Amino acid sequence: MKQKWAALAFQGFPRPWKRGGAWTSDERDRFDTLVAEFTAASEYVCERCGNAGVLRETRPIELTLCDACESCVGPDGRL
């Protein structure tokens, strides 16, 4: 799990991998749908405090921040 382009990015599997077949395509589709829902929601949540936020392109790194946190986070983007 990480932040990528101001949104949540998650890579994982529905369950542990096993030789000869690990998960079904239905399991993978349901897992991908769940991850996509949280990724979409993360585009509107402040990365610093959890309030409603918007994409800020005012620093070298893109962040999703609310108005209050936009003024608190320095030019380096450290939260």
PDB file of N, CA and C in Angstrom:
ATOM      1  N   MET A   1       0.845  -1.157   0.000  1.00  0.00           N
ATOM      2  CA  MET A   1       0.000   0.000   0.000  1.00  0.00           C
ATOM      3  C   MET A   1       0.898   1.230   0.000  1.00  0.00           C
ATOM      4  N   LYS A   2       0.521   2.223  -0.828  1.00  0.00           N
ATOM      5  CA  LYS A   2       1.291   3.456  -0.895  1.00  0.00           C
ATOM      6  C   LYS A   2       0.423   4.549  -1.507  1.00  0.00           C
ATOM      7  N   GLN A   3       0.954   5.751  -1.485  1.00  0.00           N
ATOM      8  CA  GLN A   3       0.329   6.881  -2.137  1.00  0.00           C
ATOM      9  C   GLN A   3       0.965   7.006  -3.508  1.00  0.00           C
ATOM     10  N   LYS A   4       0.142   7.109  -4.535  1.00  0.00           N
ATOM     11  CA  LYS A   4       0.665   7.272  -5.886  1.00  0.00           C
ATOM     12  C   LYS A   4      -0.236   8.247  -6.616  1.00  0.00           C
ATOM     13  N   TRP A   5       0.354   9.349  -7.094  1.00  0.00           N
ATOM     14  CA  TRP A   5      -0.400  10.396  -7.773  1.00  0.00           C
ATOM     15  C   TRP A   5      -1.583  10.869  -6.935  1.00  0.00           C
ATOM     16  N   ALA A   6      -1.339  11.077  -5.653  1.00  0.00           N
ATOM     17  CA  ALA A   6      -2.312  11.638  -4.706  1.00  0.00           C
ATOM     18  C   ALA A   6      -3.507  10.720  -4.441  1.00  0.00           C
ATOM     19  N   ALA A   7      -3.346   9.429  -4.631  1.00  0.00           N
ATOM     20  CA  ALA A   7      -4.417   8.467  -4.340  1.00  0.00           C
ATOM     21  C   ALA A   7      -3.804   7.214  -3.722  1.00  0.00           C
ATOM     22  N   LEU A   8      -4.632   6.450  -3.052  1.00  0.00           N
ATOM     23  CA  LEU A   8      -4.209   5.185  -2.466  1.00  0.00           C
ATOM     24  C   LEU A   8      -3.887   4.195  -3.576  1.00  0.00           C
ATOM     25  N   ALA A   9      -2.765   3.539  -3.476  1.00  0.00           N
ATOM     26  CA  ALA A   9      -2.393   2.484  -4.417  1.00  0.00           C
ATOM     27  C   ALA A   9      -2.124   1.226  -3.593  1.00  0.00           C
ATOM     28  N   PHE A  10      -2.755   0.113  -3.972  1.00  0.00           N
ATOM     29  CA  PHE A  10      -2.622  -1.125  -3.217  1.00  0.00           C
ATOM     30  C   PHE A  10      -2.407  -2.270  -4.180  1.00  0.00           C
ATOM     31  N   GLN A  11      -1.410  -3.075  -3.899  1.00  0.00           N
ATOM     32  CA  GLN A  11      -1.168  -4.279  -4.676  1.00  0.00           C
ATOM     33  C   GLN A  11      -1.210  -5.462  -3.730  1.00  0.00           C
ATOM     34  N   GLY A  12      -1.979  -6.445  -4.071  1.00  0.00           N
ATOM     35  CA  GLY A  12      -2.086  -7.612  -3.213  1.00  0.00           C
ATOM     36  C   GLY A  12      -2.839  -8.724  -3.918  1.00  0.00           C
ATOM     37  N   PHE A  13      -3.104  -9.759  -3.185  1.00  0.00           N
ATOM     38  CA  PHE A  13      -3.803 -10.916  -3.711  1.00  0.00           C
ATOM     39  C   PHE A  13      -4.969 -11.264  -2.794  1.00  0.00           C
ATOM     40  N   PRO A  14      -6.012 -11.905  -3.321  1.00  0.00           N
ATOM     41  CA  PRO A  14      -7.170 -12.259  -2.515  1.00  0.00           C
ATOM     42  C   PRO A  14      -6.836 -13.206  -1.357  1.00  0.00           C
ATOM     43  N   ARG A  15      -5.838 -14.022  -1.546  1.00  0.00           N
ATOM     44  CA  ARG A  15      -5.366 -14.944  -0.492  1.00  0.00           C
ATOM     45  C   ARG A  15      -3.982 -15.433  -0.906  1.00  0.00           C
ATOM     46  N   PRO A  16      -3.251 -16.099  -0.033  1.00  0.00           N
ATOM     47  CA  PRO A  16      -1.884 -16.518  -0.370  1.00  0.00           C
ATOM     48  C   PRO A  16      -1.811 -17.345  -1.657  1.00  0.00           C
ATOM     49  N   TRP A  17      -0.729 -17.134  -2.394  1.00  0.00           N
ATOM     50  CA  TRP A  17      -0.490 -17.849  -3.637  1.00  0.00           C
ATOM     51  C   TRP A  17      -0.071 -19.281  -3.334  1.00  0.00           C
ATOM     52  N   LYS A  18      -0.559 -20.224  -4.143  1.00  0.00           N
ATOM     53  CA  LYS A  18      -0.166 -21.631  -4.022  1.00  0.00           C
ATOM     54  C   LYS A  18       0.205 -22.145  -5.405  1.00  0.00           C
ATOM     55  N   ARG A  19       1.214 -22.977  -5.459  1.00  0.00           N
ATOM     56  CA  ARG A  19       1.625 -23.577  -6.728  1.00  0.00           C
ATOM     57  C   ARG A  19       0.455 -24.368  -7.322  1.00  0.00           C
ATOM     58  N   GLY A  20       0.246 -24.175  -8.622  1.00  0.00           N
ATOM     59  CA  GLY A  20      -0.825 -24.889  -9.292  1.00  0.00           C
ATOM     60  C   GLY A  20      -2.139 -24.121  -9.320  1.00  0.00           C
ATOM     61  N   GLY A  21      -2.176 -22.952  -8.778  1.00  0.00           N
ATOM     62  CA  GLY A  21      -3.393 -22.138  -8.784  1.00  0.00           C
ATOM     63  C   GLY A  21      -3.649 -21.540  -7.424  1.00  0.00           C
ATOM     64  N   ALA A  22      -3.832 -20.258  -7.386  1.00  0.00           N
ATOM     65  CA  ALA A  22      -3.938 -19.593  -6.102  1.00  0.00           C
ATOM     66  C   ALA A  22      -5.341 -19.047  -5.839  1.00  0.00           C
ATOM     67  N   TRP A  23      -5.966 -18.453  -6.842  1.00  0.00           N
ATOM     68  CA  TRP A  23      -7.277 -17.858  -6.643  1.00  0.00           C
ATOM     69  C   TRP A  23      -8.052 -17.923  -7.952  1.00  0.00           C
ATOM     70  N   THR A  24      -9.346 -17.824  -7.833  1.00  0.00           N
ATOM     71  CA  THR A  24     -10.190 -17.880  -9.023  1.00  0.00           C
ATOM     72  C   THR A  24     -10.305 -16.489  -9.637  1.00  0.00           C
ATOM     73  N   SER A  25     -10.740 -16.441 -10.876  1.00  0.00           N
ATOM     74  CA  SER A  25     -10.930 -15.133 -11.521  1.00  0.00           C
ATOM     75  C   SER A  25     -12.039 -14.347 -10.824  1.00  0.00           C
ATOM     76  N   ASP A  26     -13.041 -15.042 -10.269  1.00  0.00           N
ATOM     77  CA  ASP A  26     -14.102 -14.362  -9.515  1.00  0.00           C
ATOM     78  C   ASP A  26     -13.533 -13.716  -8.251  1.00  0.00           C
ATOM     79  N   GLU A  27     -12.669 -14.433  -7.542  1.00  0.00           N
ATOM     80  CA  GLU A  27     -12.030 -13.860  -6.349  1.00  0.00           C
ATOM     81  C   GLU A  27     -11.208 -12.635  -6.718  1.00  0.00           C
ATOM     82  N   ARG A  28     -10.460 -12.738  -7.785  1.00  0.00           N
ATOM     83  CA  ARG A  28      -9.620 -11.624  -8.222  1.00  0.00           C
ATOM     84  C   ARG A  28     -10.480 -10.414  -8.625  1.00  0.00           C
ATOM     85  N   ASP A  29     -11.586 -10.665  -9.346  1.00  0.00           N
ATOM     86  CA  ASP A  29     -12.473  -9.578  -9.759  1.00  0.00           C
ATOM     87  C   ASP A  29     -13.094  -8.881  -8.553  1.00  0.00           C
ATOM     88  N   ARG A  30     -13.552  -9.655  -7.567  1.00  0.00           N
ATOM     89  CA  ARG A  30     -14.135  -9.055  -6.358  1.00  0.00           C
ATOM     90  C   ARG A  30     -13.096  -8.258  -5.592  1.00  0.00           C
ATOM     91  N   PHE A  31     -11.872  -8.772  -5.509  1.00  0.00           N
ATOM     92  CA  PHE A  31     -10.784  -8.089  -4.819  1.00  0.00           C
ATOM     93  C   PHE A  31     -10.448  -6.779  -5.534  1.00  0.00           C
ATOM     94  N   ASP A  32     -10.327  -6.824  -6.853  1.00  0.00           N
ATOM     95  CA  ASP A  32     -10.019  -5.623  -7.634  1.00  0.00           C
ATOM     96  C   ASP A  32     -11.111  -4.570  -7.495  1.00  0.00           C
ATOM     97  N   THR A  33     -12.369  -4.999  -7.437  1.00  0.00           N
ATOM     98  CA  THR A  33     -13.486  -4.073  -7.261  1.00  0.00           C
ATOM     99  C   THR A  33     -13.397  -3.372  -5.914  1.00  0.00           C
ATOM    100  N   LEU A  34     -13.096  -4.121  -4.869  1.00  0.00           N
ATOM    101  CA  LEU A  34     -12.958  -3.545  -3.528  1.00  0.00           C
ATOM    102  C   LEU A  34     -11.820  -2.530  -3.480  1.00  0.00           C
ATOM    103  N   VAL A  35     -10.674  -2.878  -4.030  1.00  0.00           N
ATOM    104  CA  VAL A  35      -9.524  -1.969  -4.051  1.00  0.00           C
ATOM    105  C   VAL A  35      -9.864  -0.711  -4.848  1.00  0.00           C
ATOM    106  N   ALA A  36     -10.543  -0.860  -5.976  1.00  0.00           N
ATOM    107  CA  ALA A  36     -10.914   0.290  -6.812  1.00  0.00           C
ATOM    108  C   ALA A  36     -11.834   1.247  -6.059  1.00  0.00           C
ATOM    109  N   GLU A  37     -12.749   0.726  -5.252  1.00  0.00           N
ATOM    110  CA  GLU A  37     -13.645   1.577  -4.473  1.00  0.00           C
ATOM    111  C   GLU A  37     -12.871   2.421  -3.468  1.00  0.00           C
ATOM    112  N   PHE A  38     -11.914   1.821  -2.772  1.00  0.00           N
ATOM    113  CA  PHE A  38     -11.120   2.569  -1.793  1.00  0.00           C
ATOM    114  C   PHE A  38     -10.165   3.542  -2.477  1.00  0.00           C
ATOM    115  N   THR A  39      -9.636   3.176  -3.628  1.00  0.00           N
ATOM    116  CA  THR A  39      -8.769   4.083  -4.379  1.00  0.00           C
ATOM    117  C   THR A  39      -9.554   5.321  -4.799  1.00  0.00           C
ATOM    118  N   ALA A  40     -10.760   5.120  -5.320  1.00  0.00           N
ATOM    119  CA  ALA A  40     -11.595   6.247  -5.742  1.00  0.00           C
ATOM    120  C   ALA A  40     -11.948   7.146  -4.551  1.00  0.00           C
ATOM    121  N   ALA A  41     -12.290   6.547  -3.420  1.00  0.00           N
ATOM    122  CA  ALA A  41     -12.633   7.330  -2.228  1.00  0.00           C
ATOM    123  C   ALA A  41     -11.434   8.127  -1.725  1.00  0.00           C
ATOM    124  N   SER A  42     -10.233   7.579  -1.865  1.00  0.00           N
ATOM    125  CA  SER A  42      -9.031   8.250  -1.354  1.00  0.00           C
ATOM    126  C   SER A  42      -8.714   9.532  -2.108  1.00  0.00           C
ATOM    127  N   GLU A  43      -9.283   9.704  -3.282  1.00  0.00           N
ATOM    128  CA  GLU A  43      -9.040  10.911  -4.065  1.00  0.00           C
ATOM    129  C   GLU A  43      -9.747  12.133  -3.479  1.00  0.00           C
ATOM    130  N   TYR A  44     -10.596  11.926  -2.466  1.00  0.00           N
ATOM    131  CA  TYR A  44     -11.372  13.011  -1.863  1.00  0.00           C
ATOM    132  C   TYR A  44     -11.204  13.075  -0.353  1.00  0.00           C
ATOM    133  N   VAL A  45     -10.174  12.413   0.182  1.00  0.00           N
ATOM    134  CA  VAL A  45      -9.913  12.394   1.623  1.00  0.00           C
ATOM    135  C   VAL A  45      -8.524  12.977   1.877  1.00  0.00           C
ATOM    136  N   CYS A  46      -8.447  13.948   2.793  1.00  0.00           N
ATOM    137  CA  CYS A  46      -7.163  14.570   3.123  1.00  0.00           C
ATOM    138  C   CYS A  46      -6.201  13.511   3.666  1.00  0.00           C
ATOM    139  N   GLU A  47      -4.998  13.472   3.099  1.00  0.00           N
ATOM    140  CA  GLU A  47      -3.996  12.496   3.513  1.00  0.00           C
ATOM    141  C   GLU A  47      -3.453  12.768   4.905  1.00  0.00           C
ATOM    142  N   ARG A  48      -3.646  13.967   5.397  1.00  0.00           N
ATOM    143  CA  ARG A  48      -3.084  14.343   6.695  1.00  0.00           C
ATOM    144  C   ARG A  48      -4.084  14.158   7.835  1.00  0.00           C
ATOM    145  N   CYS A  49      -5.342  14.597   7.643  1.00  0.00           N
ATOM    146  CA  CYS A  49      -6.285  14.583   8.766  1.00  0.00           C
ATOM    147  C   CYS A  49      -7.525  13.728   8.532  1.00  0.00           C
ATOM    148  N   GLY A  50      -7.826  13.335   7.292  1.00  0.00           N
ATOM    149  CA  GLY A  50      -8.983  12.495   7.009  1.00  0.00           C
ATOM    150  C   GLY A  50     -10.248  13.255   6.664  1.00  0.00           C
ATOM    151  N   ASN A  51     -10.217  14.594   6.696  1.00  0.00           N
ATOM    152  CA  ASN A  51     -11.378  15.379   6.276  1.00  0.00           C
ATOM    153  C   ASN A  51     -11.472  15.381   4.758  1.00  0.00           C
ATOM    154  N   ALA A  52     -12.517  16.006   4.236  1.00  0.00           N
ATOM    155  CA  ALA A  52     -12.671  16.118   2.787  1.00  0.00           C
ATOM    156  C   ALA A  52     -11.495  16.899   2.218  1.00  0.00           C
ATOM    157  N   GLY A  53     -10.933  16.415   1.129  1.00  0.00           N
ATOM    158  CA  GLY A  53      -9.778  17.058   0.520  1.00  0.00           C
ATOM    159  C   GLY A  53      -9.878  17.094  -0.985  1.00  0.00           C
ATOM    160  N   VAL A  54      -8.965  17.818  -1.593  1.00  0.00           N
ATOM    161  CA  VAL A  54      -8.889  17.910  -3.054  1.00  0.00           C
ATOM    162  C   VAL A  54      -7.430  17.776  -3.483  1.00  0.00           C
ATOM    163  N   LEU A  55      -7.228  17.467  -4.744  1.00  0.00           N
ATOM    164  CA  LEU A  55      -5.882  17.329  -5.294  1.00  0.00           C
ATOM    165  C   LEU A  55      -5.159  18.663  -5.232  1.00  0.00           C
ATOM    166  N   ARG A  56      -3.936  18.652  -4.703  1.00  0.00           N
ATOM    167  CA  ARG A  56      -3.090  19.851  -4.634  1.00  0.00           C
ATOM    168  C   ARG A  56      -1.836  19.578  -5.455  1.00  0.00           C
ATOM    169  N   GLU A  57      -1.598  20.408  -6.414  1.00  0.00           N
ATOM    170  CA  GLU A  57      -0.421  20.278  -7.273  1.00  0.00           C
ATOM    171  C   GLU A  57       0.540  21.443  -7.045  1.00  0.00           C
ATOM    172  N   THR A  58       0.654  21.863  -5.795  1.00  0.00           N
ATOM    173  CA  THR A  58       1.471  23.024  -5.442  1.00  0.00           C
ATOM    174  C   THR A  58       2.873  22.647  -4.980  1.00  0.00           C
ATOM    175  N   ARG A  59       3.196  21.359  -4.976  1.00  0.00           N
ATOM    176  CA  ARG A  59       4.495  20.866  -4.522  1.00  0.00           C
ATOM    177  C   ARG A  59       5.061  19.889  -5.556  1.00  0.00           C
ATOM    178  N   PRO A  60       6.306  19.505  -5.396  1.00  0.00           N
ATOM    179  CA  PRO A  60       6.866  18.509  -6.322  1.00  0.00           C
ATOM    180  C   PRO A  60       6.100  17.181  -6.287  1.00  0.00           C
ATOM    181  N   ILE A  61       5.442  16.867  -5.162  1.00  0.00           N
ATOM    182  CA  ILE A  61       4.642  15.652  -5.049  1.00  0.00           C
ATOM    183  C   ILE A  61       3.175  16.043  -4.949  1.00  0.00           C
ATOM    184  N   GLU A  62       2.317  15.357  -5.690  1.00  0.00           N
ATOM    185  CA  GLU A  62       0.887  15.636  -5.639  1.00  0.00           C
ATOM    186  C   GLU A  62       0.314  15.058  -4.351  1.00  0.00           C
ATOM    187  N   LEU A  63      -0.530  15.830  -3.682  1.00  0.00           N
ATOM    188  CA  LEU A  63      -1.156  15.401  -2.441  1.00  0.00           C
ATOM    189  C   LEU A  63      -2.638  15.734  -2.471  1.00  0.00           C
ATOM    190  N   THR A  64      -3.440  14.957  -1.760  1.00  0.00           N
ATOM    191  CA  THR A  64      -4.839  15.278  -1.549  1.00  0.00           C
ATOM    192  C   THR A  64      -4.949  15.837  -0.142  1.00  0.00           C
ATOM    193  N   LEU A  65      -5.318  17.118  -0.040  1.00  0.00           N
ATOM    194  CA  LEU A  65      -5.343  17.809   1.248  1.00  0.00           C
ATOM    195  C   LEU A  65      -6.596  18.666   1.369  1.00  0.00           C
ATOM    196  N   CYS A  66      -7.033  18.902   2.614  1.00  0.00           N
ATOM    197  CA  CYS A  66      -8.093  19.866   2.878  1.00  0.00           C
ATOM    198  C   CYS A  66      -7.461  21.261   2.898  1.00  0.00           C
ATOM    199  N   ASP A  67      -8.281  22.298   2.971  1.00  0.00           N
ATOM    200  CA  ASP A  67      -7.755  23.662   2.969  1.00  0.00           C
ATOM    201  C   ASP A  67      -6.838  23.928   4.161  1.00  0.00           C
ATOM    202  N   ALA A  68      -7.229  23.442   5.352  1.00  0.00           N
ATOM    203  CA  ALA A  68      -6.422  23.677   6.556  1.00  0.00           C
ATOM    204  C   ALA A  68      -5.046  23.016   6.437  1.00  0.00           C
ATOM    205  N   CYS A  69      -5.003  21.788   5.967  1.00  0.00           N
ATOM    206  CA  CYS A  69      -3.725  21.079   5.864  1.00  0.00           C
ATOM    207  C   CYS A  69      -2.883  21.594   4.705  1.00  0.00           C
ATOM    208  N   GLU A  70      -3.517  22.140   3.677  1.00  0.00           N
ATOM    209  CA  GLU A  70      -2.768  22.726   2.576  1.00  0.00           C
ATOM    210  C   GLU A  70      -1.840  23.813   3.100  1.00  0.00           C
ATOM    211  N   SER A  71      -2.317  24.585   4.078  1.00  0.00           N
ATOM    212  CA  SER A  71      -1.493  25.672   4.621  1.00  0.00           C
ATOM    213  C   SER A  71      -0.467  25.176   5.648  1.00  0.00           C
ATOM    214  N   CYS A  72      -0.660  23.945   6.169  1.00  0.00           N
ATOM    215  CA  CYS A  72       0.252  23.400   7.188  1.00  0.00           C
ATOM    216  C   CYS A  72       1.398  22.584   6.594  1.00  0.00           C
ATOM    217  N   VAL A  73       1.175  21.971   5.463  1.00  0.00           N
ATOM    218  CA  VAL A  73       2.172  21.081   4.855  1.00  0.00           C
ATOM    219  C   VAL A  73       3.163  21.929   4.058  1.00  0.00           C
ATOM    220  N   GLY A  74       4.436  21.749   4.369  1.00  0.00           N
ATOM    221  CA  GLY A  74       5.488  22.548   3.755  1.00  0.00           C
ATOM    222  C   GLY A  74       5.701  22.243   2.281  1.00  0.00           C
ATOM    223  N   PRO A  75       6.596  22.981   1.660  1.00  0.00           N
ATOM    224  CA  PRO A  75       6.857  22.810   0.226  1.00  0.00           C
ATOM    225  C   PRO A  75       7.442  21.453  -0.148  1.00  0.00           C
ATOM    226  N   ASP A  76       8.034  20.748   0.841  1.00  0.00           N
ATOM    227  CA  ASP A  76       8.579  19.423   0.547  1.00  0.00           C
ATOM    228  C   ASP A  76       7.510  18.329   0.555  1.00  0.00           C
ATOM    229  N   GLY A  77       6.315  18.661   1.032  1.00  0.00           N
ATOM    230  CA  GLY A  77       5.215  17.707   1.033  1.00  0.00           C
ATOM    231  C   GLY A  77       5.202  16.758   2.199  1.00  0.00           C
ATOM    232  N   ARG A  78       6.091  16.920   3.160  1.00  0.00           N
ATOM    233  CA  ARG A  78       6.099  16.028   4.332  1.00  0.00           C
ATOM    234  C   ARG A  78       4.865  16.249   5.171  1.00  0.00           C
ATOM    235  N   LEU A  79       4.178  15.158   5.458  1.00  0.00           N
ATOM    236  CA  LEU A  79       2.951  15.247   6.254  1.00  0.00           C
ATOM    237  C   LEU A  79       3.279  15.270   7.720  1.00  0.00           C
TER     238      LEU A  79
END
